[in-house]
C-alpha cells in the first residue's frame, strides 16, 4: 500500500449526540430482535445513563421519525448540517419535527452528555486510534478513480461505539463523504471486535459507503448517456430484484460489492475476497456477483490498454458483457 492518506478519521459530537438519542428509542431492541449481538460497553452504559431521558422531546422526535421509516442516512445528514456547538440551523427541513435542533441541544445539556463523553473519552479515542492505524496508506481514491473519475470529496471515517451497533451509515455533505461505522460484531453475546483487528471488515464497511455514494452520483450525472444500457434488464435473482427493484439500485449494489471484492483481493487476501463474495451471495441472493467482478476486471484491463477512457465508454456493452460473464461463471 502507498503512503497516501485518503481517509481521515474523526470523532464528531453531533454524531455522538444522535447516537445517544438513538440509544433510548426502540431502535436497540429492534436491531437485537433482527440479529442478536453483543454491543460495546460504551453503548450499554449510554443506554443505562440515559434511561431517565427516554421521554425527552428530542428522543420522542427521533422515535417519530423512526416510526415513519425515515432513513438513517437522512437523520445523520440532518445533524451533520447543524453547526456545533449550539446546533444552529438557518432553516429546518420540512420532514423533521419543529424545533428539533433546539430539543436536541436541550437533551444534550440536561443529560449532561459532555460529562459522559469526557468520562468515556478513553474508549472513543481508542476507537479513533485503531481506525487511523487501519487506514494509513489505504489507496481508496486511486482505486475508485478508474470507475467514477477523480474523487474530489474528502473521505471521512467516524468510528461509532454507540448506536446503531449493527450497520454503517454513509452520507455526503459539505464536500465530504462520511462513513459512520460500528466495530465488527462478534458471535453471540461477545463484545464487538476492536477496529484494528479485522482489516477486511473496516475496508468493506468504508469502501461500501464511499462507493455507493460515488456510483449513485455517477449514475445521476450521466443518466441520459446510461439510459440505453439501463433499458436492458440485469440477469439478477428474484431475491435480489425484490431487494433492489430499480436498474440503478441493482447496478449500484452490484458495482459496490464487486469493487469491494476486487479491493479485498488486491489489498488484503484472495481468501478474504472469496469469503466476502460467498456471504453476499448467501445473504443477498447476489448470485451474479462473480460475473460482475469478471466484467469490472475486464473493464480495468482494457482501460489500462487504452480501449476505454472511463466507465461511461464501457456502459454501452456492459449489459451484454454481464450476461456472458454470468453464463461463464455459472457453468
C-alpha atoms as a PDB file:
ATOM      1  CA  UNK A   1       0.000   0.000   0.000  1.00  0.00           C
ATOM      2  CA  UNK A   2       1.098   3.590  -0.623  1.00  0.00           C
ATOM      3  CA  UNK A   3       1.700   6.299   1.954  1.00  0.00           C
ATOM      4  CA  UNK A   4      -1.287   8.256   0.683  1.00  0.00           C
ATOM      5  CA  UNK A   5      -3.778   9.030   3.433  1.00  0.00           C
ATOM      6  CA  UNK A   6      -7.119   9.024   1.643  1.00  0.00           C
ATOM      7  CA  UNK A   7      -9.348   8.524   4.693  1.00  0.00           C
ATOM      8  CA  UNK A   8      -9.426  10.937   7.621  1.00  0.00           C
ATOM      9  CA  UNK A   9     -10.630   9.592  10.968  1.00  0.00           C
ATOM     10  CA  UNK A  10     -12.502  11.827  13.382  1.00  0.00           C
ATOM     11  CA  UNK A  11     -14.885  11.832  16.325  1.00  0.00           C
ATOM     12  CA  UNK A  12     -17.883  14.148  15.854  1.00  0.00           C
ATOM     13  CA  UNK A  13     -20.040  15.300  18.769  1.00  0.00           C
ATOM     14  CA  UNK A  14     -23.076  15.701  16.510  1.00  0.00           C
ATOM     15  CA  UNK A  15     -22.855  12.020  15.584  1.00  0.00           C
ATOM     16  CA  UNK A  16     -22.366  11.080  19.230  1.00  0.00           C
ATOM     17  CA  UNK A  17     -25.423  13.148  20.174  1.00  0.00           C
ATOM     18  CA  UNK A  18     -27.694  11.494  17.606  1.00  0.00           C
ATOM     19  CA  UNK A  19     -26.386   8.067  18.588  1.00  0.00           C
ATOM     20  CA  UNK A  20     -27.087   8.839  22.242  1.00  0.00           C
ATOM     21  CA  UNK A  21     -30.670   9.788  21.418  1.00  0.00           C
ATOM     22  CA  UNK A  22     -30.998   6.625  19.365  1.00  0.00           C
ATOM     23  CA  UNK A  23     -29.908   4.614  22.401  1.00  0.00           C
ATOM     24  CA  UNK A  24     -33.161   5.363  24.244  1.00  0.00           C
ATOM     25  CA  UNK A  25     -35.539   4.823  21.335  1.00  0.00           C
ATOM     26  CA  UNK A  26     -36.879   1.394  20.366  1.00  0.00           C
ATOM     27  CA  UNK A  27     -34.089   1.011  17.807  1.00  0.00           C
ATOM     28  CA  UNK A  28     -31.759  -1.090  20.026  1.00  0.00           C
ATOM     29  CA  UNK A  29     -34.473  -3.632  20.820  1.00  0.00           C
ATOM     30  CA  UNK A  30     -35.494  -3.915  17.178  1.00  0.00           C
ATOM     31  CA  UNK A  31     -31.937  -4.398  15.970  1.00  0.00           C
ATOM     32  CA  UNK A  32     -31.391  -7.108  18.568  1.00  0.00           C
ATOM     33  CA  UNK A  33     -34.617  -8.819  17.503  1.00  0.00           C
ATOM     34  CA  UNK A  34     -33.408  -8.875  13.900  1.00  0.00           C
ATOM     35  CA  UNK A  35     -29.873 -10.016  14.761  1.00  0.00           C
ATOM     36  CA  UNK A  36     -28.906 -10.718  18.370  1.00  0.00           C
ATOM     37  CA  UNK A  37     -25.412  -9.377  19.018  1.00  0.00           C
ATOM     38  CA  UNK A  38     -23.081  -8.198  21.743  1.00  0.00           C
ATOM     39  CA  UNK A  39     -22.545  -4.454  21.985  1.00  0.00           C
ATOM     40  CA  UNK A  40     -19.705  -2.177  23.044  1.00  0.00           C
ATOM     41  CA  UNK A  41     -19.502  -1.383  26.753  1.00  0.00           C
ATOM     42  CA  UNK A  42     -19.965   2.309  25.967  1.00  0.00           C
ATOM     43  CA  UNK A  43     -23.254   1.708  24.172  1.00  0.00           C
ATOM     44  CA  UNK A  44     -24.565  -0.298  27.120  1.00  0.00           C
ATOM     45  CA  UNK A  45     -23.503   2.421  29.553  1.00  0.00           C
ATOM     46  CA  UNK A  46     -25.139   5.065  27.369  1.00  0.00           C
ATOM     47  CA  UNK A  47     -28.479   3.274  27.467  1.00  0.00           C
ATOM     48  CA  UNK A  48     -28.274   2.886  31.243  1.00  0.00           C
ATOM     49  CA  UNK A  49     -27.319   6.508  31.910  1.00  0.00           C
ATOM     50  CA  UNK A  50     -29.897   7.965  29.515  1.00  0.00           C
ATOM     51  CA  UNK A  51     -32.854   5.779  30.507  1.00  0.00           C
ATOM     52  CA  UNK A  52     -34.417   8.647  32.549  1.00  0.00           C
ATOM     53  CA  UNK A  53     -34.491  10.788  29.383  1.00  0.00           C
ATOM     54  CA  UNK A  54     -36.345   8.397  27.087  1.00  0.00           C
ATOM     55  CA  UNK A  55     -39.422  10.651  27.141  1.00  0.00           C
ATOM     56  CA  UNK A  56     -37.478  13.801  26.306  1.00  0.00           C
ATOM     57  CA  UNK A  57     -38.924  15.661  23.319  1.00  0.00           C
ATOM     58  CA  UNK A  58     -35.727  15.176  21.300  1.00  0.00           C
ATOM     59  CA  UNK A  59     -35.875  11.414  21.784  1.00  0.00           C
ATOM     60  CA  UNK A  60     -39.584  11.317  21.025  1.00  0.00           C
ATOM     61  CA  UNK A  61     -38.977  13.346  17.869  1.00  0.00           C
ATOM     62  CA  UNK A  62     -36.388  10.811  16.741  1.00  0.00           C
ATOM     63  CA  UNK A  63     -38.769   7.971  17.609  1.00  0.00           C
ATOM     64  CA  UNK A  64     -41.476   9.529  15.457  1.00  0.00           C
ATOM     65  CA  UNK A  65     -39.088   9.679  12.503  1.00  0.00           C
ATOM     66  CA  UNK A  66     -38.117   6.042  13.015  1.00  0.00           C
ATOM     67  CA  UNK A  67     -41.786   5.065  13.189  1.00  0.00           C
ATOM     68  CA  UNK A  68     -42.324   6.782   9.834  1.00  0.00           C
ATOM     69  CA  UNK A  69     -39.424   4.862   8.305  1.00  0.00           C
ATOM     70  CA  UNK A  70     -37.071   7.827   7.907  1.00  0.00           C
ATOM     71  CA  UNK A  71     -33.721   6.609   6.518  1.00  0.00           C
ATOM     72  CA  UNK A  72     -30.863   6.653   8.977  1.00  0.00           C
ATOM     73  CA  UNK A  73     -28.798   8.403   6.308  1.00  0.00           C
ATOM     74  CA  UNK A  74     -31.254  11.316   6.246  1.00  0.00           C
ATOM     75  CA  UNK A  75     -31.274  11.598  10.026  1.00  0.00           C
ATOM     76  CA  UNK A  76     -27.490  11.736  10.302  1.00  0.00           C
ATOM     77  CA  UNK A  77     -27.227  14.066   7.303  1.00  0.00           C
ATOM     78  CA  UNK A  78     -29.537  16.447   9.144  1.00  0.00           C
ATOM     79  CA  UNK A  79     -27.484  16.512  12.328  1.00  0.00           C
ATOM     80  CA  UNK A  80     -24.224  16.939  10.402  1.00  0.00           C
ATOM     81  CA  UNK A  81     -25.704  20.024   8.720  1.00  0.00           C
ATOM     82  CA  UNK A  82     -26.187  21.666  12.121  1.00  0.00           C
ATOM     83  CA  UNK A  83     -23.431  23.929  13.432  1.00  0.00           C
ATOM     84  CA  UNK A  84     -21.633  22.781  16.569  1.00  0.00           C
ATOM     85  CA  UNK A  85     -21.746  23.883  19.281  1.00  0.00           C
ATOM     86  CA  UNK A  86     -25.302  25.127  19.528  1.00  0.00           C
ATOM     87  CA  UNK A  87     -26.867  23.049  16.741  1.00  0.00           C
ATOM     88  CA  UNK A  88     -27.930  26.202  14.921  1.00  0.00           C
ATOM     89  CA  UNK A  89     -29.679  25.957  11.541  1.00  0.00           C
ATOM     90  CA  UNK A  90     -30.878  28.614   9.133  1.00  0.00           C
ATOM     91  CA  UNK A  91     -33.952  26.558   8.265  1.00  0.00           C
ATOM     92  CA  UNK A  92     -35.055  23.062   9.235  1.00  0.00           C
ATOM     93  CA  UNK A  93     -36.075  20.537   6.569  1.00  0.00           C
ATOM     94  CA  UNK A  94     -39.836  20.096   6.357  1.00  0.00           C
ATOM     95  CA  UNK A  95     -39.608  16.438   7.368  1.00  0.00           C
ATOM     96  CA  UNK A  96     -38.028  16.975  10.797  1.00  0.00           C
ATOM     97  CA  UNK A  97     -40.070  17.781  13.934  1.00  0.00           C
ATOM     98  CA  UNK A  98     -40.429  21.529  14.658  1.00  0.00           C
ATOM     99  CA  UNK A  99     -37.553  22.958  16.717  1.00  0.00           C
ATOM    100  CA  UNK A 100     -35.887  19.539  16.811  1.00  0.00           C
ATOM    101  CA  UNK A 101     -32.418  21.061  16.770  1.00  0.00           C
ATOM    102  CA  UNK A 102     -33.267  23.071  19.890  1.00  0.00           C
ATOM    103  CA  UNK A 103     -34.694  19.972  21.543  1.00  0.00           C
ATOM    104  CA  UNK A 104     -31.530  18.009  20.735  1.00  0.00           C
ATOM    105  CA  UNK A 105     -29.410  20.708  22.366  1.00  0.00           C
ATOM    106  CA  UNK A 106     -31.658  20.659  25.435  1.00  0.00           C
ATOM    107  CA  UNK A 107     -31.298  16.862  25.567  1.00  0.00           C
ATOM    108  CA  UNK A 108     -27.507  17.230  25.338  1.00  0.00           C
ATOM    109  CA  UNK A 109     -27.457  19.686  28.229  1.00  0.00           C
ATOM    110  CA  UNK A 110     -29.995  18.029  30.512  1.00  0.00           C
ATOM    111  CA  UNK A 111     -28.457  14.557  30.082  1.00  0.00           C
ATOM    112  CA  UNK A 112     -25.003  16.049  30.711  1.00  0.00           C
ATOM    113  CA  UNK A 113     -23.606  14.244  27.700  1.00  0.00           C
ATOM    114  CA  UNK A 114     -20.406  16.271  27.809  1.00  0.00           C
ATOM    115  CA  UNK A 115     -19.553  14.593  31.136  1.00  0.00           C
ATOM    116  CA  UNK A 116     -20.462  11.133  29.835  1.00  0.00           C
ATOM    117  CA  UNK A 117     -18.235  11.610  26.816  1.00  0.00           C
ATOM    118  CA  UNK A 118     -15.444  13.070  28.933  1.00  0.00           C
ATOM    119  CA  UNK A 119     -15.605  10.092  31.295  1.00  0.00           C
ATOM    120  CA  UNK A 120     -15.602   7.762  28.284  1.00  0.00           C
ATOM    121  CA  UNK A 121     -13.035   9.672  26.233  1.00  0.00           C
ATOM    122  CA  UNK A 122     -10.549   6.827  26.506  1.00  0.00           C
ATOM    123  CA  UNK A 123     -12.896   4.432  24.713  1.00  0.00           C
ATOM    124  CA  UNK A 124     -13.662   6.947  21.952  1.00  0.00           C
ATOM    125  CA  UNK A 125     -10.027   7.839  21.402  1.00  0.00           C
ATOM    126  CA  UNK A 126      -9.046   4.162  21.345  1.00  0.00           C
ATOM    127  CA  UNK A 127     -11.541   3.567  18.537  1.00  0.00           C
ATOM    128  CA  UNK A 128     -10.142   6.526  16.604  1.00  0.00           C
ATOM    129  CA  UNK A 129      -6.541   5.352  17.030  1.00  0.00           C
ATOM    130  CA  UNK A 130      -7.487   1.835  15.931  1.00  0.00           C
ATOM    131  CA  UNK A 131      -9.257   3.115  12.829  1.00  0.00           C
ATOM    132  CA  UNK A 132      -6.452   5.560  11.994  1.00  0.00           C
ATOM    133  CA  UNK A 133      -3.996   2.682  12.105  1.00  0.00           C
ATOM    134  CA  UNK A 134      -6.062   0.680   9.624  1.00  0.00           C
ATOM    135  CA  UNK A 135      -6.470   3.485   7.075  1.00  0.00           C
ATOM    136  CA  UNK A 136      -2.816   4.513   6.955  1.00  0.00           C
ATOM    137  CA  UNK A 137      -1.722   4.258   3.336  1.00  0.00           C
ATOM    138  CA  UNK A 138      -5.009   2.762   2.091  1.00  0.00           C
ATOM    139  CA  UNK A 139      -5.439   3.915  -1.563  1.00  0.00           C
ATOM    140  CA  UNK A 140      -9.215   4.260  -1.873  1.00  0.00           C
ATOM    141  CA  UNK A 141      -9.159   7.257  -4.209  1.00  0.00           C
ATOM    142  CA  UNK A 142      -6.756   5.766  -6.796  1.00  0.00           C
ATOM    143  CA  UNK A 143      -8.740   2.536  -6.669  1.00  0.00           C
ATOM    144  CA  UNK A 144     -12.076   4.265  -7.298  1.00  0.00           C
ATOM    145  CA  UNK A 145     -10.851   6.778  -9.891  1.00  0.00           C
ATOM    146  CA  UNK A 146     -10.992   4.434 -12.947  1.00  0.00           C
ATOM    147  CA  UNK A 147     -14.671   3.800 -12.201  1.00  0.00           C
ATOM    148  CA  UNK A 148     -16.061   7.175 -11.130  1.00  0.00           C
ATOM    149  CA  UNK A 149     -13.409   9.687 -12.101  1.00  0.00           C
ATOM    150  CA  UNK A 150     -11.466  11.956  -9.777  1.00  0.00           C
ATOM    151  CA  UNK A 151     -12.763  11.818  -6.217  1.00  0.00           C
ATOM    152  CA  UNK A 152     -12.702  15.437  -5.083  1.00  0.00           C
ATOM    153  CA  UNK A 153     -14.562  14.895  -1.812  1.00  0.00           C
ATOM    154  CA  UNK A 154     -12.774  14.276   1.471  1.00  0.00           C
ATOM    155  CA  UNK A 155     -13.291  10.734   2.739  1.00  0.00           C
ATOM    156  CA  UNK A 156     -14.156  10.755   6.450  1.00  0.00           C
ATOM    157  CA  UNK A 157     -14.470   7.735   8.756  1.00  0.00           C
ATOM    158  CA  UNK A 158     -16.213   8.119  12.110  1.00  0.00           C
ATOM    159  CA  UNK A 159     -15.861   5.063  14.373  1.00  0.00           C
ATOM    160  CA  UNK A 160     -19.083   4.663  16.336  1.00  0.00           C
ATOM    161  CA  UNK A 161     -19.074   2.738  19.616  1.00  0.00           C
ATOM    162  CA  UNK A 162     -22.635   3.883  20.365  1.00  0.00           C
ATOM    163  CA  UNK A 163     -25.724   3.300  18.173  1.00  0.00           C
ATOM    164  CA  UNK A 164     -26.533   1.948  15.661  1.00  0.00           C
ATOM    165  CA  UNK A 165     -24.401  -1.041  16.603  1.00  0.00           C
ATOM    166  CA  UNK A 166     -25.096  -3.248  13.604  1.00  0.00           C
ATOM    167  CA  UNK A 167     -24.860  -1.144  10.441  1.00  0.00           C
ATOM    168  CA  UNK A 168     -22.852   1.536   8.686  1.00  0.00           C
ATOM    169  CA  UNK A 169     -24.222   4.892   7.577  1.00  0.00           C
ATOM    170  CA  UNK A 170     -22.890   6.820   4.604  1.00  0.00           C
ATOM    171  CA  UNK A 171     -23.684  10.475   3.935  1.00  0.00           C
ATOM    172  CA  UNK A 172     -22.376  13.108   1.532  1.00  0.00           C
ATOM    173  CA  UNK A 173     -22.295  16.610   2.943  1.00  0.00           C
ATOM    174  CA  UNK A 174     -20.316  19.837   2.547  1.00  0.00           C
ATOM    175  CA  UNK A 175     -17.656  18.379   0.275  1.00  0.00           C
ATOM    176  CA  UNK A 176     -17.199  15.261   2.392  1.00  0.00           C
ATOM    177  CA  UNK A 177     -18.229  11.631   2.142  1.00  0.00           C
ATOM    178  CA  UNK A 178     -18.701  10.308   5.645  1.00  0.00           C
ATOM    179  CA  UNK A 179     -18.844   6.695   6.784  1.00  0.00           C
ATOM    180  CA  UNK A 180     -20.142   6.211  10.331  1.00  0.00           C
ATOM    181  CA  UNK A 181     -19.421   2.626  11.336  1.00  0.00           C
ATOM    182  CA  UNK A 182     -19.555   0.368  14.398  1.00  0.00           C
ATOM    183  CA  UNK A 183     -16.872  -2.218  15.109  1.00  0.00           C
ATOM    184  CA  UNK A 184     -17.304  -5.675  13.675  1.00  0.00           C
ATOM    185  CA  UNK A 185     -19.886  -7.776  15.506  1.00  0.00           C
ATOM    186  CA  UNK A 186     -18.700 -10.872  17.309  1.00  0.00           C
ATOM    187  CA  UNK A 187     -20.602 -14.109  17.772  1.00  0.00           C
ATOM    188  CA  UNK A 188     -23.437 -14.286  20.277  1.00  0.00           C
ATOM    189  CA  UNK A 189     -23.140 -12.033  23.307  1.00  0.00           C
ATOM    190  CA  UNK A 190     -19.416 -11.419  22.904  1.00  0.00           C
ATOM    191  CA  UNK A 191     -18.309  -7.772  22.684  1.00  0.00           C
ATOM    192  CA  UNK A 192     -17.506  -6.456  19.196  1.00  0.00           C
ATOM    193  CA  UNK A 193     -14.003  -6.605  17.778  1.00  0.00           C
ATOM    194  CA  UNK A 194     -11.607  -3.648  18.048  1.00  0.00           C
ATOM    195  CA  UNK A 195     -11.425  -1.635  14.827  1.00  0.00           C
ATOM    196  CA  UNK A 196      -7.853  -2.719  14.106  1.00  0.00           C
ATOM    197  CA  UNK A 197      -8.292  -6.478  14.341  1.00  0.00           C
ATOM    198  CA  UNK A 198     -10.057  -7.161  11.036  1.00  0.00           C
ATOM    199  CA  UNK A 199      -8.815  -5.185   8.010  1.00  0.00           C
ATOM    200  CA  UNK A 200     -11.352  -6.814   5.689  1.00  0.00           C
ATOM    201  CA  UNK A 201     -14.257  -5.595   7.827  1.00  0.00           C
ATOM    202  CA  UNK A 202     -13.204  -1.979   8.113  1.00  0.00           C
ATOM    203  CA  UNK A 203     -12.252  -1.734   4.416  1.00  0.00           C
ATOM    204  CA  UNK A 204     -15.544  -3.327   3.394  1.00  0.00           C
ATOM    205  CA  UNK A 205     -17.513  -1.015   5.676  1.00  0.00           C
ATOM    206  CA  UNK A 206     -15.878   2.189   4.444  1.00  0.00           C
ATOM    207  CA  UNK A 207     -15.496   1.323   0.766  1.00  0.00           C
ATOM    208  CA  UNK A 208     -19.121   0.167   0.559  1.00  0.00           C
ATOM    209  CA  UNK A 209     -20.363   3.558   1.730  1.00  0.00           C
ATOM    210  CA  UNK A 210     -17.977   5.687  -0.314  1.00  0.00           C
ATOM    211  CA  UNK A 211     -18.533   3.503  -3.366  1.00  0.00           C
ATOM    212  CA  UNK A 212     -22.316   3.666  -3.020  1.00  0.00           C
ATOM    213  CA  UNK A 213     -22.334   7.450  -2.785  1.00  0.00           C
ATOM    214  CA  UNK A 214     -19.924   7.857  -5.698  1.00  0.00           C
ATOM    215  CA  UNK A 215     -21.600   5.426  -8.081  1.00  0.00           C
ATOM    216  CA  UNK A 216     -25.065   6.868  -7.355  1.00  0.00           C
ATOM    217  CA  UNK A 217     -23.671  10.332  -8.150  1.00  0.00           C
ATOM    218  CA  UNK A 218     -22.164   8.889 -11.348  1.00  0.00           C
ATOM    219  CA  UNK A 219     -25.478   7.361 -12.407  1.00  0.00           C
ATOM    220  CA  UNK A 220     -27.352  10.618 -11.733  1.00  0.00           C
ATOM    221  CA  UNK A 221     -24.901  12.848 -13.562  1.00  0.00           C
ATOM    222  CA  UNK A 222     -24.731  10.559 -16.595  1.00  0.00           C
ATOM    223  CA  UNK A 223     -28.353   9.394 -16.563  1.00  0.00           C
ATOM    224  CA  UNK A 224     -29.013  10.323 -20.201  1.00  0.00           C
ATOM    225  CA  UNK A 225     -25.887   8.613 -21.519  1.00  0.00           C
ATOM    226  CA  UNK A 226     -26.521   5.479 -19.461  1.00  0.00           C
ATOM    227  CA  UNK A 227     -30.239   5.249 -20.353  1.00  0.00           C
ATOM    228  CA  UNK A 228     -29.773   2.803 -23.295  1.00  0.00           C
ATOM    229  CA  UNK A 229     -27.843   0.380 -21.058  1.00  0.00           C
ATOM    230  CA  UNK A 230     -30.442   0.775 -18.317  1.00  0.00           C
ATOM    231  CA  UNK A 231     -33.129  -0.419 -20.731  1.00  0.00           C
ATOM    232  CA  UNK A 232     -31.599  -3.918 -20.650  1.00  0.00           C
ATOM    233  CA  UNK A 233     -32.740  -5.839 -17.531  1.00  0.00           C
ATOM    234  CA  UNK A 234     -29.919  -7.205 -15.426  1.00  0.00           C
ATOM    235  CA  UNK A 235     -29.781 -11.008 -15.007  1.00  0.00           C
ATOM    236  CA  UNK A 236     -30.270 -10.918 -11.233  1.00  0.00           C
ATOM    237  CA  UNK A 237     -32.096 -13.334  -8.939  1.00  0.00           C
ATOM    238  CA  UNK A 238     -35.666 -12.770  -7.825  1.00  0.00           C
ATOM    239  CA  UNK A 239     -34.416 -12.313  -4.251  1.00  0.00           C
ATOM    240  CA  UNK A 240     -32.008  -9.588  -5.349  1.00  0.00           C
ATOM    241  CA  UNK A 241     -34.597  -7.897  -7.576  1.00  0.00           C
ATOM    242  CA  UNK A 242     -37.068  -7.796  -4.671  1.00  0.00           C
ATOM    243  CA  UNK A 243     -34.478  -6.026  -2.510  1.00  0.00           C
ATOM    244  CA  UNK A 244     -33.476  -3.580  -5.245  1.00  0.00           C
ATOM    245  CA  UNK A 245     -36.327  -3.029  -7.727  1.00  0.00           C
ATOM    246  CA  UNK A 246     -34.792  -0.377  -9.992  1.00  0.00           C
ATOM    247  CA  UNK A 247     -31.987  -0.883 -12.519  1.00  0.00           C
ATOM    248  CA  UNK A 248     -29.970   1.874 -10.858  1.00  0.00           C
ATOM    249  CA  UNK A 249     -30.228   0.228  -7.427  1.00  0.00           C
ATOM    250  CA  UNK A 250     -29.280  -3.140  -8.869  1.00  0.00           C
ATOM    251  CA  UNK A 251     -26.294  -1.762 -10.755  1.00  0.00           C
ATOM    252  CA  UNK A 252     -25.083   0.305  -7.806  1.00  0.00           C
ATOM    253  CA  UNK A 253     -25.243  -2.592  -5.362  1.00  0.00           C
ATOM    254  CA  UNK A 254     -23.572  -4.983  -7.786  1.00  0.00           C
ATOM    255  CA  UNK A 255     -20.878  -2.432  -8.521  1.00  0.00           C
ATOM    256  CA  UNK A 256     -20.175  -1.773  -4.854  1.00  0.00           C
ATOM    257  CA  UNK A 257     -19.987  -5.463  -3.973  1.00  0.00           C
ATOM    258  CA  UNK A 258     -17.724  -6.240  -6.933  1.00  0.00           C
ATOM    259  CA  UNK A 259     -15.461  -3.274  -6.182  1.00  0.00           C
ATOM    260  CA  UNK A 260     -15.143  -4.346  -2.531  1.00  0.00           C
ATOM    261  CA  UNK A 261     -14.269  -7.900  -3.581  1.00  0.00           C
ATOM    262  CA  UNK A 262     -11.599  -6.676  -6.000  1.00  0.00           C
ATOM    263  CA  UNK A 263     -10.128  -4.347  -3.374  1.00  0.00           C
ATOM    264  CA  UNK A 264     -10.030  -7.078  -0.731  1.00  0.00           C
ATOM    265  CA  UNK A 265      -8.303  -9.479  -3.121  1.00  0.00           C
ATOM    266  CA  UNK A 266      -5.691  -6.891  -4.078  1.00  0.00           C
ATOM    267  CA  UNK A 267      -5.090  -5.324  -0.655  1.00  0.00           C
ATOM    268  CA  UNK A 268      -5.969  -7.977   1.936  1.00  0.00           C
ATOM    269  CA  UNK A 269      -6.043 -11.519   0.528  1.00  0.00           C
ATOM    270  CA  UNK A 270      -7.851 -13.709  -2.044  1.00  0.00           C
ATOM    271  CA  UNK A 271      -9.286 -15.719   0.848  1.00  0.00           C
ATOM    272  CA  UNK A 272     -10.951 -12.643   2.360  1.00  0.00           C
ATOM    273  CA  UNK A 273     -12.356 -11.674  -1.023  1.00  0.00           C
ATOM    274  CA  UNK A 274     -13.766 -15.162  -1.542  1.00  0.00           C
ATOM    275  CA  UNK A 275     -15.348 -15.179   1.914  1.00  0.00           C
ATOM    276  CA  UNK A 276     -16.951 -11.808   1.208  1.00  0.00           C
ATOM    277  CA  UNK A 277     -18.383 -12.974  -2.125  1.00  0.00           C
ATOM    278  CA  UNK A 278     -19.829 -16.102  -0.554  1.00  0.00           C
ATOM    279  CA  UNK A 279     -21.512 -14.050   2.182  1.00  0.00           C
ATOM    280  CA  UNK A 280     -23.013 -11.579  -0.309  1.00  0.00           C
ATOM    281  CA  UNK A 281     -24.397 -14.423  -2.405  1.00  0.00           C
ATOM    282  CA  UNK A 282     -25.858 -16.125   0.657  1.00  0.00           C
ATOM    283  CA  UNK A 283     -27.385 -13.107   2.399  1.00  0.00           C
ATOM    284  CA  UNK A 284     -28.492 -11.005  -0.590  1.00  0.00           C
ATOM    285  CA  UNK A 285     -29.045 -13.543  -3.340  1.00  0.00           C
ATOM    286  CA  UNK A 286     -26.254 -11.841  -5.290  1.00  0.00           C
ATOM    287  CA  UNK A 287     -25.507 -14.929  -7.375  1.00  0.00           C
ATOM    288  CA  UNK A 288     -24.402 -12.771 -10.273  1.00  0.00           C
ATOM    289  CA  UNK A 289     -21.580 -11.200  -8.240  1.00  0.00           C
ATOM    290  CA  UNK A 290     -18.749 -13.367  -9.661  1.00  0.00           C
ATOM    291  CA  UNK A 291     -19.893 -12.329 -13.139  1.00  0.00           C
ATOM    292  CA  UNK A 292     -19.894  -8.653 -12.138  1.00  0.00           C
ATOM    293  CA  UNK A 293     -16.380  -8.984 -10.743  1.00  0.00           C
ATOM    294  CA  UNK A 294     -15.245 -10.537 -14.019  1.00  0.00           C
ATOM    295  CA  UNK A 295     -16.786  -7.697 -16.031  1.00  0.00           C
ATOM    296  CA  UNK A 296     -15.206  -4.965 -13.907  1.00  0.00           C
ATOM    297  CA  UNK A 297     -11.826  -6.667 -14.125  1.00  0.00           C
ATOM    298  CA  UNK A 298     -12.152  -6.785 -17.900  1.00  0.00           C
ATOM    299  CA  UNK A 299     -13.025  -3.100 -17.971  1.00  0.00           C
ATOM    300  CA  UNK A 300      -9.985  -2.224 -15.839  1.00  0.00           C
ATOM    301  CA  UNK A 301      -7.697  -4.297 -18.050  1.00  0.00           C
ATOM    302  CA  UNK A 302      -8.990  -2.806 -21.297  1.00  0.00           C
ATOM    303  CA  UNK A 303      -8.949   0.701 -19.864  1.00  0.00           C
ATOM    304  CA  UNK A 304      -5.305   0.227 -18.951  1.00  0.00           C
ATOM    305  CA  UNK A 305      -4.663  -0.871 -22.532  1.00  0.00           C
ATOM    306  CA  UNK A 306      -6.274   2.322 -23.820  1.00  0.00           C
ATOM    307  CA  UNK A 307      -9.552   0.937 -25.134  1.00  0.00           C
ATOM    308  CA  UNK A 308     -11.702   2.942 -22.712  1.00  0.00           C
ATOM    309  CA  UNK A 309     -11.182   6.327 -21.111  1.00  0.00           C
ATOM    310  CA  UNK A 310     -13.894   5.922 -18.482  1.00  0.00           C
ATOM    311  CA  UNK A 311     -16.638   3.621 -17.282  1.00  0.00           C
ATOM    312  CA  UNK A 312     -19.049   5.684 -19.363  1.00  0.00           C
ATOM    313  CA  UNK A 313     -17.333   4.440 -22.540  1.00  0.00           C
ATOM    314  CA  UNK A 314     -17.838   0.864 -21.365  1.00  0.00           C
ATOM    315  CA  UNK A 315     -21.513   1.165 -20.414  1.00  0.00           C
ATOM    316  CA  UNK A 316     -22.976   0.509 -23.919  1.00  0.00           C
ATOM    317  CA  UNK A 317     -21.595  -3.049 -23.886  1.00  0.00           C
ATOM    318  CA  UNK A 318     -21.931  -3.615 -20.133  1.00  0.00           C
ATOM    319  CA  UNK A 319     -25.301  -5.478 -20.205  1.00  0.00           C
ATOM    320  CA  UNK A 320     -24.098  -7.924 -22.841  1.00  0.00           C
ATOM    321  CA  UNK A 321     -20.769  -8.477 -21.067  1.00  0.00           C
ATOM    322  CA  UNK A 322     -22.536  -9.159 -17.773  1.00  0.00           C
ATOM    323  CA  UNK A 323     -24.864 -11.731 -19.347  1.00  0.00           C
ATOM    324  CA  UNK A 324     -21.925 -13.502 -20.977  1.00  0.00           C
ATOM    325  CA  UNK A 325     -19.824 -13.441 -17.806  1.00  0.00           C
ATOM    326  CA  UNK A 326     -22.745 -14.704 -15.734  1.00  0.00           C
ATOM    327  CA  UNK A 327     -23.186 -17.703 -18.043  1.00  0.00           C
ATOM    328  CA  UNK A 328     -19.484 -18.493 -17.943  1.00  0.00           C
ATOM    329  CA  UNK A 329     -19.079 -18.354 -14.170  1.00  0.00           C
ATOM    330  CA  UNK A 330     -22.184 -20.484 -13.593  1.00  0.00           C
ATOM    331  CA  UNK A 331     -21.061 -23.300 -15.898  1.00  0.00           C
END
